[in-house]
Amino acid sequence: MINSVTDCANQCKDVLSVRIVSGDSSTTGIVANYIPSTSFSFSIEVNYQKEPIGAFSVQIGINPILVQRYFSGIDISNRLTVNVNPAFLALYRVENNQVL
């Protein structure tokens, strides 16, 4: 799949399905990109054009459109839910003078 010109165009941005399931849903976009030269690692950006950003939860899974093509016979129904608290990330950045 990673080598597919059509399914992995634009850093494989359509491989994962990511959606906000609770909390601040005022995002202007969510993008999941494959990290080149890794073993199927992806970065996920949830973009907001305002501050403050409230806590939110995202649900991550394989894009259902790709199931038949690459995952036929495999149960990929499990999804990962990640809770994000932007206030914690802001505190981390200030205390350690690092950008996450």
Protein backbone atom coordinates (compact mmCIF):
# COMPACT_ATOMS: atom_id res chain seq x y z
CA MET A 1 0.00 0.00 0.00
CA ILE A 2 2.78 2.45 0.90
CA ASN A 3 4.20 1.98 -2.61
CA SER A 4 0.84 2.56 -4.33
CA VAL A 5 0.87 5.70 -6.42
CA THR A 6 -2.88 6.23 -6.07
CA ASP A 7 -3.59 5.19 -2.47
CA CYS A 8 -0.47 6.73 -1.03
CA ALA A 9 -0.37 9.97 -2.97
CA ASN A 10 0.29 13.06 -0.86
CA GLN A 11 2.08 11.24 1.99
CA CYS A 12 -0.68 8.61 2.29
CA LYS A 13 -3.03 11.20 3.75
CA ASP A 14 -6.13 9.10 3.01
CA VAL A 15 -5.00 5.86 4.68
CA LEU A 16 -6.25 6.72 8.17
CA SER A 17 -9.70 7.83 9.20
CA VAL A 18 -9.50 10.42 11.98
CA ARG A 19 -12.47 12.17 13.52
CA ILE A 20 -13.22 14.15 16.65
CA VAL A 21 -15.62 12.20 18.85
CA SER A 22 -15.93 14.57 21.81
CA GLY A 23 -14.83 17.97 23.07
CA ASP A 24 -13.77 20.97 21.00
CA SER A 25 -14.83 20.15 17.45
CA SER A 26 -14.14 23.57 15.93
CA THR A 27 -11.18 22.24 13.95
CA THR A 28 -10.49 23.62 10.50
CA GLY A 29 -9.02 20.33 9.32
CA ILE A 30 -7.42 17.03 10.24
CA VAL A 31 -4.54 15.54 8.24
CA ALA A 32 -2.80 12.20 8.79
CA ASN A 33 0.49 11.80 6.91
CA TYR A 34 2.80 8.82 6.55
CA ILE A 35 6.25 9.46 8.02
CA PRO A 36 8.70 8.40 5.27
CA SER A 37 11.21 5.64 5.97
CA THR A 38 9.31 4.36 9.02
CA SER A 39 7.45 1.12 9.59
CA PHE A 40 3.96 2.43 8.95
CA SER A 41 4.13 5.43 11.30
CA PHE A 42 1.82 8.39 10.77
CA SER A 43 1.63 11.90 12.15
CA ILE A 44 -1.77 13.42 12.79
CA GLU A 45 -2.36 17.18 12.71
CA VAL A 46 -5.55 18.64 14.11
CA ASN A 47 -5.65 22.25 12.95
CA TYR A 48 -7.43 25.03 14.80
CA GLN A 49 -7.41 28.66 13.73
CA LYS A 50 -8.22 30.04 17.17
CA GLU A 51 -7.19 30.00 20.78
CA PRO A 52 -7.89 28.77 23.32
CA ILE A 53 -8.34 25.19 22.13
CA GLY A 54 -10.45 23.04 24.40
CA ALA A 55 -9.79 19.41 25.27
CA PHE A 56 -10.95 16.89 22.68
CA SER A 57 -10.85 13.20 21.80
CA VAL A 58 -10.05 11.79 18.36
CA GLN A 59 -10.84 8.34 17.05
CA ILE A 60 -8.29 6.82 14.65
CA GLY A 61 -8.72 3.82 12.36
CA ILE A 62 -8.09 2.54 8.85
CA ASN A 63 -10.03 4.34 6.12
CA PRO A 64 -12.98 2.03 5.28
CA ILE A 65 -12.53 2.71 1.55
CA LEU A 66 -9.23 0.78 1.62
CA VAL A 67 -10.50 -2.31 3.47
CA GLN A 68 -11.39 -4.42 0.43
CA ARG A 69 -8.19 -3.53 -1.40
CA TYR A 70 -5.64 -4.18 1.35
CA PHE A 71 -7.30 -5.70 4.41
CA SER A 72 -9.75 -8.25 3.03
CA GLY A 73 -10.41 -10.95 5.63
CA ILE A 74 -8.77 -8.96 8.43
CA ASP A 75 -10.84 -7.42 11.23
CA ILE A 76 -9.86 -3.75 11.30
CA SER A 77 -12.92 -2.59 13.23
CA ASN A 78 -10.89 -1.63 16.30
CA ARG A 79 -10.24 2.06 16.59
CA LEU A 80 -7.88 3.96 18.84
CA THR A 81 -9.31 6.84 20.85
CA VAL A 82 -6.84 9.49 21.99
CA ASN A 83 -7.71 12.18 24.55
CA VAL A 84 -5.89 15.48 23.94
CA ASN A 85 -5.64 18.31 26.44
CA PRO A 86 -4.02 21.30 24.68
CA ALA A 87 -3.54 23.09 28.03
CA PHE A 88 -1.14 20.33 29.07
CA LEU A 89 0.78 20.67 25.80
CA ALA A 90 1.08 24.46 26.30
CA LEU A 91 2.43 23.97 29.83
CA TYR A 92 4.94 21.42 28.58
CA ARG A 93 6.21 23.80 25.96
CA VAL A 94 6.58 26.75 28.37
CA GLU A 95 8.32 24.76 31.13
CA ASN A 96 10.79 23.00 28.85
CA ASN A 97 11.13 25.68 26.17
CA GLN A 98 10.46 23.04 23.51
CA VAL A 99 8.04 22.85 20.65
CA LEU A 100 6.06 19.63 20.44
